[in-house]
Amino acid sequence: CYERLDRLVTIVGPPGTGKSRLARHYAHIRAKRTDAQTYFFDLTD
């Protein structure tokens, strides 16, 4: 998605499918492969 220059991607799905965990894992992998910073905003509350 980001390689084709999409800049806003929404992972959507019902509760329990692992959206948050997928986002964290993708961000972790991306941070290891690039010099770009990653910022995580938890909006649970």
ModelCIF file with pLDDT and N, C-alpha, C, O atoms, coordinates in Angstrom:
data_MODEL
#
_entry.id   MODEL 
#
_entity.id                         1 
_entity.type                       polymer 
_entity.pdbx_number_of_molecules   1 
#
_entity_poly.entity_id                      1 
_entity_poly.type                           'polypeptide(L)' 
_entity_poly.nstd_linkage                   no 
_entity_poly.nstd_monomer                   no 
_entity_poly.pdbx_seq_one_letter_code       CYERLDRLVTIVGPPGTGKSRLARHYAHIRAKRTDAQTYFFDLTD 
_entity_poly.pdbx_seq_one_letter_code_can   CYERLDRLVTIVGPPGTGKSRLARHYAHIRAKRTDAQTYFFDLTD 
_entity_poly.pdbx_strand_id                 A 
#
loop_
_entity_poly_seq.entity_id 
_entity_poly_seq.num 
_entity_poly_seq.mon_id 
_entity_poly_seq.hetero 
1 1  CYS n 
1 2  TYR n 
1 3  GLU n 
1 4  ARG n 
1 5  LEU n 
1 6  ASP n 
1 7  ARG n 
1 8  LEU n 
1 9  VAL n 
1 10 THR n 
1 11 ILE n 
1 12 VAL n 
1 13 GLY n 
1 14 PRO n 
1 15 PRO n 
1 16 GLY n 
1 17 THR n 
1 18 GLY n 
1 19 LYS n 
1 20 SER n 
1 21 ARG n 
1 22 LEU n 
1 23 ALA n 
1 24 ARG n 
1 25 HIS n 
1 26 TYR n 
1 27 ALA n 
1 28 HIS n 
1 29 ILE n 
1 30 ARG n 
1 31 ALA n 
1 32 LYS n 
1 33 ARG n 
1 34 THR n 
1 35 ASP n 
1 36 ALA n 
1 37 GLN n 
1 38 THR n 
1 39 TYR n 
1 40 PHE n 
1 41 PHE n 
1 42 ASP n 
1 43 LEU n 
1 44 THR n 
1 45 ASP n 
#
_struct_asym.id          A 
_struct_asym.entity_id   1 
#
loop_
_ma_qa_metric.id 
_ma_qa_metric.mode 
_ma_qa_metric.name 
_ma_qa_metric.software_group_id 
_ma_qa_metric.type 
1 global pLDDT . pLDDT 
2 local  pLDDT . pLDDT 
#
_ma_qa_metric_global.metric_id      1 
_ma_qa_metric_global.metric_value   92.87 
_ma_qa_metric_global.model_id       1 
_ma_qa_metric_global.ordinal_id     1 
#
loop_
_ma_qa_metric_local.label_asym_id 
_ma_qa_metric_local.label_comp_id 
_ma_qa_metric_local.label_seq_id 
_ma_qa_metric_local.metric_id 
_ma_qa_metric_local.metric_value 
_ma_qa_metric_local.model_id 
_ma_qa_metric_local.ordinal_id 
A CYS 1  2 95.00 1 1  
A TYR 2  2 94.00 1 2  
A GLU 3  2 92.00 1 3  
A ARG 4  2 92.00 1 4  
A LEU 5  2 89.00 1 5  
A ASP 6  2 93.00 1 6  
A ARG 7  2 95.00 1 7  
A LEU 8  2 97.00 1 8  
A VAL 9  2 98.00 1 9  
A THR 10 2 98.00 1 10 
A ILE 11 2 98.00 1 11 
A VAL 12 2 97.00 1 12 
A GLY 13 2 94.00 1 13 
A PRO 14 2 91.00 1 14 
A PRO 15 2 92.00 1 15 
A GLY 16 2 93.00 1 16 
A THR 17 2 95.00 1 17 
A GLY 18 2 94.00 1 18 
A LYS 19 2 97.00 1 19 
A SER 20 2 94.00 1 20 
A ARG 21 2 93.00 1 21 
A LEU 22 2 96.00 1 22 
A ALA 23 2 96.00 1 23 
A ARG 24 2 94.00 1 24 
A HIS 25 2 94.00 1 25 
A TYR 26 2 95.00 1 26 
A ALA 27 2 94.00 1 27 
A HIS 28 2 91.00 1 28 
A ILE 29 2 91.00 1 29 
A ARG 30 2 91.00 1 30 
A ALA 31 2 88.00 1 31 
A LYS 32 2 85.00 1 32 
A ARG 33 2 86.00 1 33 
A THR 34 2 85.00 1 34 
A ASP 35 2 79.00 1 35 
A ALA 36 2 81.00 1 36 
A GLN 37 2 91.00 1 37 
A THR 38 2 94.00 1 38 
A TYR 39 2 96.00 1 39 
A PHE 40 2 96.00 1 40 
A PHE 41 2 96.00 1 41 
A ASP 42 2 95.00 1 42 
A LEU 43 2 96.00 1 43 
A THR 44 2 94.00 1 44 
A ASP 45 2 94.00 1 45 
#
loop_
_atom_site.group_PDB 
_atom_site.id 
_atom_site.type_symbol 
_atom_site.label_atom_id 
_atom_site.label_alt_id 
_atom_site.label_comp_id 
_atom_site.label_asym_id 
_atom_site.label_entity_id 
_atom_site.label_seq_id 
_atom_site.pdbx_PDB_ins_code 
_atom_site.Cartn_x 
_atom_site.Cartn_y 
_atom_site.Cartn_z 
_atom_site.occupancy 
_atom_site.B_iso_or_equiv 
_atom_site.pdbx_formal_charge 
_atom_site.auth_seq_id 
_atom_site.auth_comp_id 
_atom_site.auth_asym_id 
_atom_site.auth_atom_id 
_atom_site.pdbx_PDB_model_num 
ATOM 1   N N  . CYS A 1 1  ? 0.834   -1.206  0.000  1.00 95.00 ? 1  CYS A N  1 
ATOM 2   C CA . CYS A 1 1  ? 0.000   0.000   0.000  1.00 95.00 ? 1  CYS A CA 1 
ATOM 3   C C  . CYS A 1 1  ? 0.867   1.254   0.000  1.00 95.00 ? 1  CYS A C  1 
ATOM 4   O O  . CYS A 1 1  ? 0.630   2.181   -0.774 1.00 95.00 ? 1  CYS A O  1 
ATOM 5   N N  . TYR A 1 2  ? 1.862   1.276   0.863  1.00 94.00 ? 2  TYR A N  1 
ATOM 6   C CA . TYR A 1 2  ? 2.718   2.466   0.945  1.00 94.00 ? 2  TYR A CA 1 
ATOM 7   C C  . TYR A 1 2  ? 3.681   2.550   -0.233 1.00 94.00 ? 2  TYR A C  1 
ATOM 8   O O  . TYR A 1 2  ? 4.069   3.646   -0.637 1.00 94.00 ? 2  TYR A O  1 
ATOM 9   N N  . GLU A 1 3  ? 4.064   1.417   -0.780 1.00 92.00 ? 3  GLU A N  1 
ATOM 10  C CA . GLU A 1 3  ? 4.944   1.429   -1.949 1.00 92.00 ? 3  GLU A CA 1 
ATOM 11  C C  . GLU A 1 3  ? 4.252   2.050   -3.161 1.00 92.00 ? 3  GLU A C  1 
ATOM 12  O O  . GLU A 1 3  ? 4.908   2.651   -4.013 1.00 92.00 ? 3  GLU A O  1 
ATOM 13  N N  . ARG A 1 4  ? 2.924   1.904   -3.239 1.00 92.00 ? 4  ARG A N  1 
ATOM 14  C CA . ARG A 1 4  ? 2.202   2.526   -4.350 1.00 92.00 ? 4  ARG A CA 1 
ATOM 15  C C  . ARG A 1 4  ? 1.727   3.930   -3.998 1.00 92.00 ? 4  ARG A C  1 
ATOM 16  O O  . ARG A 1 4  ? 0.852   4.493   -4.657 1.00 92.00 ? 4  ARG A O  1 
ATOM 17  N N  . LEU A 1 5  ? 2.325   4.484   -2.942 1.00 89.00 ? 5  LEU A N  1 
ATOM 18  C CA . LEU A 1 5  ? 2.152   5.873   -2.538 1.00 89.00 ? 5  LEU A CA 1 
ATOM 19  C C  . LEU A 1 5  ? 0.826   6.169   -1.843 1.00 89.00 ? 5  LEU A C  1 
ATOM 20  O O  . LEU A 1 5  ? 0.426   7.330   -1.763 1.00 89.00 ? 5  LEU A O  1 
ATOM 21  N N  . ASP A 1 6  ? 0.144   5.157   -1.344 1.00 93.00 ? 6  ASP A N  1 
ATOM 22  C CA . ASP A 1 6  ? -0.962  5.416   -0.430 1.00 93.00 ? 6  ASP A CA 1 
ATOM 23  C C  . ASP A 1 6  ? -0.361  5.978   0.860  1.00 93.00 ? 6  ASP A C  1 
ATOM 24  O O  . ASP A 1 6  ? 0.671   5.498   1.329  1.00 93.00 ? 6  ASP A O  1 
ATOM 25  N N  . ARG A 1 7  ? -1.007  6.994   1.428  1.00 95.00 ? 7  ARG A N  1 
ATOM 26  C CA . ARG A 1 7  ? -0.435  7.610   2.635  1.00 95.00 ? 7  ARG A CA 1 
ATOM 27  C C  . ARG A 1 7  ? -1.287  7.423   3.875  1.00 95.00 ? 7  ARG A C  1 
ATOM 28  O O  . ARG A 1 7  ? -0.799  7.570   4.995  1.00 95.00 ? 7  ARG A O  1 
ATOM 29  N N  . LEU A 1 8  ? -2.554  7.101   3.682  1.00 97.00 ? 8  LEU A N  1 
ATOM 30  C CA . LEU A 1 8  ? -3.445  6.851   4.814  1.00 97.00 ? 8  LEU A CA 1 
ATOM 31  C C  . LEU A 1 8  ? -4.110  5.494   4.613  1.00 97.00 ? 8  LEU A C  1 
ATOM 32  O O  . LEU A 1 8  ? -4.963  5.330   3.740  1.00 97.00 ? 8  LEU A O  1 
ATOM 33  N N  . VAL A 1 9  ? -3.713  4.534   5.424  1.00 98.00 ? 9  VAL A N  1 
ATOM 34  C CA . VAL A 1 9  ? -4.253  3.179   5.334  1.00 98.00 ? 9  VAL A CA 1 
ATOM 35  C C  . VAL A 1 9  ? -4.988  2.871   6.636  1.00 98.00 ? 9  VAL A C  1 
ATOM 36  O O  . VAL A 1 9  ? -4.441  3.039   7.726  1.00 98.00 ? 9  VAL A O  1 
ATOM 37  N N  . THR A 1 10 ? -6.234  2.419   6.507  1.00 98.00 ? 10 THR A N  1 
ATOM 38  C CA . THR A 1 10 ? -7.018  2.042   7.676  1.00 98.00 ? 10 THR A CA 1 
ATOM 39  C C  . THR A 1 10 ? -7.223  0.534   7.689  1.00 98.00 ? 10 THR A C  1 
ATOM 40  O O  . THR A 1 10 ? -7.851  -0.029  6.792  1.00 98.00 ? 10 THR A O  1 
ATOM 41  N N  . ILE A 1 11 ? -6.686  -0.108  8.717  1.00 98.00 ? 11 ILE A N  1 
ATOM 42  C CA . ILE A 1 11 ? -6.951  -1.534  8.930  1.00 98.00 ? 11 ILE A CA 1 
ATOM 43  C C  . ILE A 1 11 ? -8.299  -1.629  9.627  1.00 98.00 ? 11 ILE A C  1 
ATOM 44  O O  . ILE A 1 11 ? -8.455  -1.176  10.761 1.00 98.00 ? 11 ILE A O  1 
ATOM 45  N N  . VAL A 1 12 ? -9.260  -2.214  8.950  1.00 97.00 ? 12 VAL A N  1 
ATOM 46  C CA . VAL A 1 12 ? -10.617 -2.250  9.476  1.00 97.00 ? 12 VAL A CA 1 
ATOM 47  C C  . VAL A 1 12 ? -11.062 -3.700  9.664  1.00 97.00 ? 12 VAL A C  1 
ATOM 48  O O  . VAL A 1 12 ? -10.710 -4.577  8.875  1.00 97.00 ? 12 VAL A O  1 
ATOM 49  N N  . GLY A 1 13 ? -11.833 -3.935  10.712 1.00 94.00 ? 13 GLY A N  1 
ATOM 50  C CA . GLY A 1 13 ? -12.321 -5.281  10.968 1.00 94.00 ? 13 GLY A CA 1 
ATOM 51  C C  . GLY A 1 13 ? -13.002 -5.346  12.315 1.00 94.00 ? 13 GLY A C  1 
ATOM 52  O O  . GLY A 1 13 ? -12.873 -4.421  13.118 1.00 94.00 ? 13 GLY A O  1 
ATOM 53  N N  . PRO A 1 14 ? -13.727 -6.422  12.581 1.00 91.00 ? 14 PRO A N  1 
ATOM 54  C CA . PRO A 1 14 ? -14.432 -6.562  13.861 1.00 91.00 ? 14 PRO A CA 1 
ATOM 55  C C  . PRO A 1 14 ? -13.467 -6.776  15.018 1.00 91.00 ? 14 PRO A C  1 
ATOM 56  O O  . PRO A 1 14 ? -12.278 -7.002  14.794 1.00 91.00 ? 14 PRO A O  1 
ATOM 57  N N  . PRO A 1 15 ? -13.963 -6.707  16.259 1.00 92.00 ? 15 PRO A N  1 
ATOM 58  C CA . PRO A 1 15 ? -13.107 -6.911  17.427 1.00 92.00 ? 15 PRO A CA 1 
ATOM 59  C C  . PRO A 1 15 ? -12.456 -8.293  17.408 1.00 92.00 ? 15 PRO A C  1 
ATOM 60  O O  . PRO A 1 15 ? -13.059 -9.280  16.987 1.00 92.00 ? 15 PRO A O  1 
ATOM 61  N N  . GLY A 1 16 ? -11.212 -8.333  17.875 1.00 93.00 ? 16 GLY A N  1 
ATOM 62  C CA . GLY A 1 16 ? -10.542 -9.615  18.052 1.00 93.00 ? 16 GLY A CA 1 
ATOM 63  C C  . GLY A 1 16 ? -9.781  -10.145 16.863 1.00 93.00 ? 16 GLY A C  1 
ATOM 64  O O  . GLY A 1 16 ? -9.131  -11.185 16.968 1.00 93.00 ? 16 GLY A O  1 
ATOM 65  N N  . THR A 1 17 ? -9.842  -9.458  15.724 1.00 95.00 ? 17 THR A N  1 
ATOM 66  C CA . THR A 1 17 ? -9.163  -9.967  14.528 1.00 95.00 ? 17 THR A CA 1 
ATOM 67  C C  . THR A 1 17 ? -7.663  -9.683  14.535 1.00 95.00 ? 17 THR A C  1 
ATOM 68  O O  . THR A 1 17 ? -6.923  -10.246 13.728 1.00 95.00 ? 17 THR A O  1 
ATOM 69  N N  . GLY A 1 18 ? -7.211  -8.816  15.437 1.00 94.00 ? 18 GLY A N  1 
ATOM 70  C CA . GLY A 1 18 ? -5.773  -8.561  15.531 1.00 94.00 ? 18 GLY A CA 1 
ATOM 71  C C  . GLY A 1 18 ? -5.319  -7.313  14.808 1.00 94.00 ? 18 GLY A C  1 
ATOM 72  O O  . GLY A 1 18 ? -4.173  -7.243  14.364 1.00 94.00 ? 18 GLY A O  1 
ATOM 73  N N  . LYS A 1 19 ? -6.198  -6.316  14.678 1.00 97.00 ? 19 LYS A N  1 
ATOM 74  C CA . LYS A 1 19 ? -5.841  -5.086  13.967 1.00 97.00 ? 19 LYS A CA 1 
ATOM 75  C C  . LYS A 1 19 ? -4.673  -4.360  14.644 1.00 97.00 ? 19 LYS A C  1 
ATOM 76  O O  . LYS A 1 19 ? -3.701  -3.974  13.995 1.00 97.00 ? 19 LYS A O  1 
ATOM 77  N N  . SER A 1 20 ? -4.795  -4.187  15.955 1.00 94.00 ? 20 SER A N  1 
ATOM 78  C CA . SER A 1 20 ? -3.756  -3.461  16.688 1.00 94.00 ? 20 SER A CA 1 
ATOM 79  C C  . SER A 1 20 ? -2.424  -4.195  16.618 1.00 94.00 ? 20 SER A C  1 
ATOM 80  O O  . SER A 1 20 ? -1.373  -3.581  16.434 1.00 94.00 ? 20 SER A O  1 
ATOM 81  N N  . ARG A 1 21 ? -2.480  -5.494  16.763 1.00 93.00 ? 21 ARG A N  1 
ATOM 82  C CA . ARG A 1 21 ? -1.249  -6.265  16.773 1.00 93.00 ? 21 ARG A CA 1 
ATOM 83  C C  . ARG A 1 21 ? -0.580  -6.257  15.400 1.00 93.00 ? 21 ARG A C  1 
ATOM 84  O O  . ARG A 1 21 ? 0.645   -6.185  15.304 1.00 93.00 ? 21 ARG A O  1 
ATOM 85  N N  . LEU A 1 22 ? -1.386  -6.331  14.339 1.00 96.00 ? 22 LEU A N  1 
ATOM 86  C CA . LEU A 1 22 ? -0.830  -6.251  12.989 1.00 96.00 ? 22 LEU A CA 1 
ATOM 87  C C  . LEU A 1 22 ? -0.160  -4.896  12.772 1.00 96.00 ? 22 LEU A C  1 
ATOM 88  O O  . LEU A 1 22 ? 0.935   -4.823  12.216 1.00 96.00 ? 22 LEU A O  1 
ATOM 89  N N  . ALA A 1 23 ? -0.813  -3.832  13.209 1.00 96.00 ? 23 ALA A N  1 
ATOM 90  C CA . ALA A 1 23 ? -0.245  -2.497  13.046 1.00 96.00 ? 23 ALA A CA 1 
ATOM 91  C C  . ALA A 1 23 ? 1.077   -2.363  13.792 1.00 96.00 ? 23 ALA A C  1 
ATOM 92  O O  . ALA A 1 23 ? 2.045   -1.820  13.259 1.00 96.00 ? 23 ALA A O  1 
ATOM 93  N N  . ARG A 1 24 ? 1.115   -2.861  15.027 1.00 94.00 ? 24 ARG A N  1 
ATOM 94  C CA . ARG A 1 24 ? 2.353   -2.805  15.804 1.00 94.00 ? 24 ARG A CA 1 
ATOM 95  C C  . ARG A 1 24 ? 3.466   -3.596  15.120 1.00 94.00 ? 24 ARG A C  1 
ATOM 96  O O  . ARG A 1 24 ? 4.606   -3.140  15.031 1.00 94.00 ? 24 ARG A O  1 
ATOM 97  N N  . HIS A 1 25 ? 3.116   -4.783  14.640 1.00 94.00 ? 25 HIS A N  1 
ATOM 98  C CA . HIS A 1 25 ? 4.150   -5.628  14.045 1.00 94.00 ? 25 HIS A CA 1 
ATOM 99  C C  . HIS A 1 25 ? 4.652   -5.028  12.736 1.00 94.00 ? 25 HIS A C  1 
ATOM 100 O O  . HIS A 1 25 ? 5.853   -5.041  12.463 1.00 94.00 ? 25 HIS A O  1 
ATOM 101 N N  . TYR A 1 26 ? 3.737   -4.505  11.929 1.00 95.00 ? 26 TYR A N  1 
ATOM 102 C CA . TYR A 1 26 ? 4.168   -3.855  10.687 1.00 95.00 ? 26 TYR A CA 1 
ATOM 103 C C  . TYR A 1 26 ? 5.084   -2.666  11.004 1.00 95.00 ? 26 TYR A C  1 
ATOM 104 O O  . TYR A 1 26 ? 6.128   -2.493  10.376 1.00 95.00 ? 26 TYR A O  1 
ATOM 105 N N  . ALA A 1 27 ? 4.682   -1.853  11.983 1.00 94.00 ? 27 ALA A N  1 
ATOM 106 C CA . ALA A 1 27 ? 5.492   -0.686  12.340 1.00 94.00 ? 27 ALA A CA 1 
ATOM 107 C C  . ALA A 1 27 ? 6.869   -1.105  12.837 1.00 94.00 ? 27 ALA A C  1 
ATOM 108 O O  . ALA A 1 27 ? 7.867   -0.455  12.526 1.00 94.00 ? 27 ALA A O  1 
ATOM 109 N N  . HIS A 1 28 ? 6.927   -2.175  13.597 1.00 91.00 ? 28 HIS A N  1 
ATOM 110 C CA . HIS A 1 28 ? 8.208   -2.680  14.114 1.00 91.00 ? 28 HIS A CA 1 
ATOM 111 C C  . HIS A 1 28 ? 9.116   -3.129  12.972 1.00 91.00 ? 28 HIS A C  1 
ATOM 112 O O  . HIS A 1 28 ? 10.304  -2.807  12.950 1.00 91.00 ? 28 HIS A O  1 
ATOM 113 N N  . ILE A 1 29 ? 8.550   -3.873  12.029 1.00 91.00 ? 29 ILE A N  1 
ATOM 114 C CA . ILE A 1 29 ? 9.340   -4.349  10.892 1.00 91.00 ? 29 ILE A CA 1 
ATOM 115 C C  . ILE A 1 29 ? 9.834   -3.176  10.051 1.00 91.00 ? 29 ILE A C  1 
ATOM 116 O O  . ILE A 1 29 ? 10.995  -3.124  9.644  1.00 91.00 ? 29 ILE A O  1 
ATOM 117 N N  . ARG A 1 30 ? 8.925   -2.239  9.801  1.00 91.00 ? 30 ARG A N  1 
ATOM 118 C CA . ARG A 1 30 ? 9.288   -1.071  8.991  1.00 91.00 ? 30 ARG A CA 1 
ATOM 119 C C  . ARG A 1 30 ? 10.394  -0.262  9.658  1.00 91.00 ? 30 ARG A C  1 
ATOM 120 O O  . ARG A 1 30 ? 11.313  0.210   8.988  1.00 91.00 ? 30 ARG A O  1 
ATOM 121 N N  . ALA A 1 31 ? 10.305  -0.102  10.976 1.00 88.00 ? 31 ALA A N  1 
ATOM 122 C CA . ALA A 1 31 ? 11.319  0.672   11.698 1.00 88.00 ? 31 ALA A CA 1 
ATOM 123 C C  . ALA A 1 31 ? 12.694  0.023   11.590 1.00 88.00 ? 31 ALA A C  1 
ATOM 124 O O  . ALA A 1 31 ? 13.707  0.721   11.532 1.00 88.00 ? 31 ALA A O  1 
ATOM 125 N N  . LYS A 1 32 ? 12.735  -1.299  11.563 1.00 85.00 ? 32 LYS A N  1 
ATOM 126 C CA . LYS A 1 32 ? 14.021  -2.001  11.463 1.00 85.00 ? 32 LYS A CA 1 
ATOM 127 C C  . LYS A 1 32 ? 14.601  -1.890  10.060 1.00 85.00 ? 32 LYS A C  1 
ATOM 128 O O  . LYS A 1 32 ? 15.817  -1.973  9.887  1.00 85.00 ? 32 LYS A O  1 
ATOM 129 N N  . ARG A 1 33 ? 13.745  -1.704  9.053  1.00 86.00 ? 33 ARG A N  1 
ATOM 130 C CA . ARG A 1 33 ? 14.211  -1.711  7.665  1.00 86.00 ? 33 ARG A CA 1 
ATOM 131 C C  . ARG A 1 33 ? 14.503  -0.319  7.118  1.00 86.00 ? 33 ARG A C  1 
ATOM 132 O O  . ARG A 1 33 ? 15.172  -0.185  6.093  1.00 86.00 ? 33 ARG A O  1 
ATOM 133 N N  . THR A 1 34 ? 14.012  0.709   7.788  1.00 85.00 ? 34 THR A N  1 
ATOM 134 C CA . THR A 1 34 ? 14.213  2.061   7.302  1.00 85.00 ? 34 THR A CA 1 
ATOM 135 C C  . THR A 1 34 ? 14.738  2.944   8.421  1.00 85.00 ? 34 THR A C  1 
ATOM 136 O O  . THR A 1 34 ? 14.754  2.559   9.591  1.00 85.00 ? 34 THR A O  1 
ATOM 137 N N  . ASP A 1 35 ? 15.167  4.140   8.032  1.00 79.00 ? 35 ASP A N  1 
ATOM 138 C CA . ASP A 1 35 ? 15.636  5.106   9.026  1.00 79.00 ? 35 ASP A CA 1 
ATOM 139 C C  . ASP A 1 35 ? 14.503  5.981   9.538  1.00 79.00 ? 35 ASP A C  1 
ATOM 140 O O  . ASP A 1 35 ? 14.707  6.783   10.450 1.00 79.00 ? 35 ASP A O  1 
ATOM 141 N N  . ALA A 1 36 ? 13.299  5.839   8.959  1.00 81.00 ? 36 ALA A N  1 
ATOM 142 C CA . ALA A 1 36 ? 12.183  6.691   9.333  1.00 81.00 ? 36 ALA A CA 1 
ATOM 143 C C  . ALA A 1 36 ? 11.701  6.364   10.749 1.00 81.00 ? 36 ALA A C  1 
ATOM 144 O O  . ALA A 1 36 ? 11.702  5.206   11.167 1.00 81.00 ? 36 ALA A O  1 
ATOM 145 N N  . GLN A 1 37 ? 11.296  7.392   11.468 1.00 91.00 ? 37 GLN A N  1 
ATOM 146 C CA . GLN A 1 37 ? 10.790  7.224   12.816 1.00 91.00 ? 37 GLN A CA 1 
ATOM 147 C C  . GLN A 1 37 ? 9.348   6.679   12.780 1.00 91.00 ? 37 GLN A C  1 
ATOM 148 O O  . GLN A 1 37 ? 8.636   6.839   11.789 1.00 91.00 ? 37 GLN A O  1 
ATOM 149 N N  . THR A 1 38 ? 8.947   6.043   13.866 1.00 94.00 ? 38 THR A N  1 
ATOM 150 C CA . THR A 1 38 ? 7.584   5.537   14.003 1.00 94.00 ? 38 THR A CA 1 
ATOM 151 C C  . THR A 1 38 ? 7.013   6.042   15.317 1.00 94.00 ? 38 THR A C  1 
ATOM 152 O O  . THR A 1 38 ? 7.676   5.991   16.353 1.00 94.00 ? 38 THR A O  1 
ATOM 153 N N  . TYR A 1 39 ? 5.777   6.532   15.267 1.00 96.00 ? 39 TYR A N  1 
ATOM 154 C CA . TYR A 1 39 ? 5.100   7.051   16.451 1.00 96.00 ? 39 TYR A CA 1 
ATOM 155 C C  . TYR A 1 39 ? 3.768   6.331   16.609 1.00 96.00 ? 39 TYR A C  1 
ATOM 156 O O  . TYR A 1 39 ? 3.006   6.201   15.650 1.00 96.00 ? 39 TYR A O  1 
ATOM 157 N N  . PHE A 1 40 ? 3.492   5.865   17.820 1.00 96.00 ? 40 PHE A N  1 
ATOM 158 C CA . PHE A 1 40 ? 2.290   5.066   18.093 1.00 96.00 ? 40 PHE A CA 1 
ATOM 159 C C  . PHE A 1 40 ? 1.382   5.840   19.041 1.00 96.00 ? 40 PHE A C  1 
ATOM 160 O O  . PHE A 1 40 ? 1.781   6.189   20.152 1.00 96.00 ? 40 PHE A O  1 
ATOM 161 N N  . PHE A 1 41 ? 0.148   6.105   18.586 1.00 96.00 ? 41 PHE A N  1 
ATOM 162 C CA . PHE A 1 41 ? -0.819  6.849   19.379 1.00 96.00 ? 41 PHE A CA 1 
ATOM 163 C C  . PHE A 1 41 ? -1.955  5.905   19.774 1.00 96.00 ? 41 PHE A C  1 
ATOM 164 O O  . PHE A 1 41 ? -2.776  5.524   18.939 1.00 96.00 ? 41 PHE A O  1 
ATOM 165 N N  . ASP A 1 42 ? -1.993  5.535   21.039 1.00 95.00 ? 42 ASP A N  1 
ATOM 166 C CA . ASP A 1 42 ? -3.009  4.624   21.549 1.00 95.00 ? 42 ASP A CA 1 
ATOM 167 C C  . ASP A 1 42 ? -4.249  5.428   21.952 1.00 95.00 ? 42 ASP A C  1 
ATOM 168 O O  . ASP A 1 42 ? -4.214  6.201   22.909 1.00 95.00 ? 42 ASP A O  1 
ATOM 169 N N  . LEU A 1 43 ? -5.342  5.236   21.210 1.00 96.00 ? 43 LEU A N  1 
ATOM 170 C CA . LEU A 1 43 ? -6.569  5.995   21.447 1.00 96.00 ? 43 LEU A CA 1 
ATOM 171 C C  . LEU A 1 43 ? -7.627  5.176   22.181 1.00 96.00 ? 43 LEU A C  1 
ATOM 172 O O  . LEU A 1 43 ? -8.817  5.485   22.111 1.00 96.00 ? 43 LEU A O  1 
ATOM 173 N N  . THR A 1 44 ? -7.191  4.136   22.884 1.00 94.00 ? 44 THR A N  1 
ATOM 174 C CA . THR A 1 44 ? -8.136  3.270   23.598 1.00 94.00 ? 44 THR A CA 1 
ATOM 175 C C  . THR A 1 44 ? -9.045  4.071   24.518 1.00 94.00 ? 44 THR A C  1 
ATOM 176 O O  . THR A 1 44 ? -10.245 3.803   24.589 1.00 94.00 ? 44 THR A O  1 
ATOM 177 N N  . ASP A 1 45 ? -8.488  5.048   25.222 1.00 94.00 ? 45 ASP A N  1 
ATOM 178 C CA . ASP A 1 45 ? -9.265  5.820   26.190 1.00 94.00 ? 45 ASP A CA 1 
ATOM 179 C C  . ASP A 1 45 ? -9.733  7.160   25.646 1.00 94.00 ? 45 ASP A C  1 
ATOM 180 O O  . ASP A 1 45 ? -10.399 7.915   26.355 1.00 94.00 ? 45 ASP A O  1 
#
